[in-house]
Protein backbone atom coordinates (compact mmCIF):
# COMPACT_ATOMS: atom_id res chain seq x y z
CA MET A 1 44.83 55.30 -43.97
CA VAL A 2 44.60 56.91 -46.72
CA ILE A 3 44.13 56.01 -50.47
CA VAL A 4 45.32 58.61 -53.11
CA SER A 5 44.52 57.95 -57.14
CA TYR A 6 45.35 60.30 -59.23
CA ASP A 7 45.72 61.20 -63.42
CA ILE A 8 48.34 63.68 -63.86
CA THR A 9 49.25 64.47 -67.62
CA ASP A 10 52.16 66.07 -67.21
CA ASP A 11 55.38 63.75 -67.24
CA LYS A 12 57.50 65.98 -65.21
CA MET A 13 54.59 66.50 -62.41
CA ARG A 14 53.61 63.51 -62.62
CA THR A 15 56.84 62.00 -61.46
CA ASN A 16 57.48 65.07 -58.57
CA PHE A 17 53.57 63.93 -57.83
CA SER A 18 54.70 60.54 -57.22
CA LYS A 19 57.90 61.23 -55.26
CA MET A 20 56.23 63.66 -52.79
CA LEU A 21 53.09 60.72 -52.40
CA LYS A 22 56.76 58.58 -51.54
CA SER A 23 58.50 60.90 -49.12
CA HIS A 24 55.15 61.89 -46.55
CA GLY A 25 55.65 57.49 -46.43
CA ALA A 26 53.11 56.16 -49.24
CA ILE A 27 53.73 53.13 -50.14
CA ARG A 28 52.51 52.68 -54.34
CA LEU A 29 49.46 49.77 -54.76
CA GLN A 30 49.43 50.38 -58.36
CA PHE A 31 51.04 52.83 -60.88
CA SER A 32 48.52 55.79 -59.68
CA VAL A 33 47.46 55.02 -56.25
CA TYR A 34 49.23 54.96 -52.83
CA GLU A 35 48.57 53.79 -49.18
CA VAL A 36 48.70 56.41 -47.14
CA ARG A 37 49.44 55.14 -43.43
CA ASN A 38 50.48 57.95 -40.96
CA THR A 39 49.66 60.18 -38.78
CA LYS A 40 47.39 62.83 -38.79
CA ARG A 41 49.33 65.30 -38.85
CA ILE A 42 51.39 64.26 -41.19
CA VAL A 43 48.24 63.10 -43.70
CA ASP A 44 47.41 67.31 -43.15
CA ASN A 45 50.80 68.38 -44.40
CA LEU A 46 50.18 65.75 -47.80
CA VAL A 47 46.97 67.10 -48.25
CA ALA A 48 48.17 70.66 -48.41
CA LYS A 49 50.19 69.51 -51.26
CA ILE A 50 48.01 67.42 -52.84
CA GLU A 51 45.96 70.64 -52.91
CA ALA A 52 49.04 73.10 -53.73
CA TYR A 53 49.82 70.80 -57.01
CA ALA A 54 45.94 70.86 -57.28
CA LYS A 55 46.53 74.75 -58.12
CA HIS A 56 48.31 73.87 -61.40
CA PHE A 57 46.22 70.85 -62.91
CA THR A 58 44.44 71.10 -66.57
CA ALA A 59 41.30 70.46 -66.60
CA ASP A 60 42.55 66.49 -67.41
CA ASP A 61 44.73 66.07 -64.57
CA SER A 62 42.14 64.91 -61.13
CA VAL A 63 43.70 63.38 -57.39
CA ILE A 64 41.18 61.27 -55.86
CA LEU A 65 41.52 60.94 -51.22
CA PHE A 66 39.86 58.25 -49.93
CA ASP A 67 39.17 57.87 -46.00
CA VAL A 68 39.45 53.73 -45.38
CA ASP A 69 39.72 51.97 -42.29
CA SER A 70 41.84 49.92 -42.99
CA ASP A 71 39.80 46.87 -40.57
CA LYS A 72 37.85 47.55 -43.89
CA LEU A 73 39.76 46.47 -47.13
CA THR A 74 40.65 43.40 -47.96
CA LYS A 75 43.20 43.08 -50.93
CA TYR A 76 43.87 40.26 -53.15
CA GLY A 77 47.23 39.13 -55.22
CA ASN A 78 50.48 41.07 -54.72
CA ALA A 79 48.89 43.98 -52.49
CA ILE A 80 48.23 41.38 -49.69
CA HIS A 81 52.36 41.08 -49.65
CA ARG A 82 52.64 44.44 -48.07
CA ASP A 83 51.27 44.02 -44.98
CA GLN A 84 53.30 41.40 -44.05
CA ALA A 85 56.69 41.62 -42.64
CA VAL A 86 59.94 40.10 -43.92
CA VAL A 87 62.61 39.62 -41.73
CA TYR A 88 66.87 38.82 -43.53
CA PHE A 89 69.10 37.12 -41.87
C-alpha cells in the first residue's frame, strides 16, 4: 500500500492531480492524502504519472509517497470506516 501526500499551490494542477490519483484507484483519506491499494504495475504507472506532474511543480509544491505495510497501519476516527464492507439491501 502507498500513501500519497501532496501540497500543490496551483488550483487547476491540484484538481487534475487529485483526479489522476482517483483514476488509479486512490481513496481520499484527508484533503491532500490518499491511500493506494493496488498491484505493483498500477502503482508503478502512478509513480510515472507523478514524476510527469513533478516536472511542472514550483518551488512550493511537493508530493511525498509512503510505502506502508497495511498490517502495521492503524487508523482512528472516520478513516477506520473506509475499510469496512458496506452492503445495501
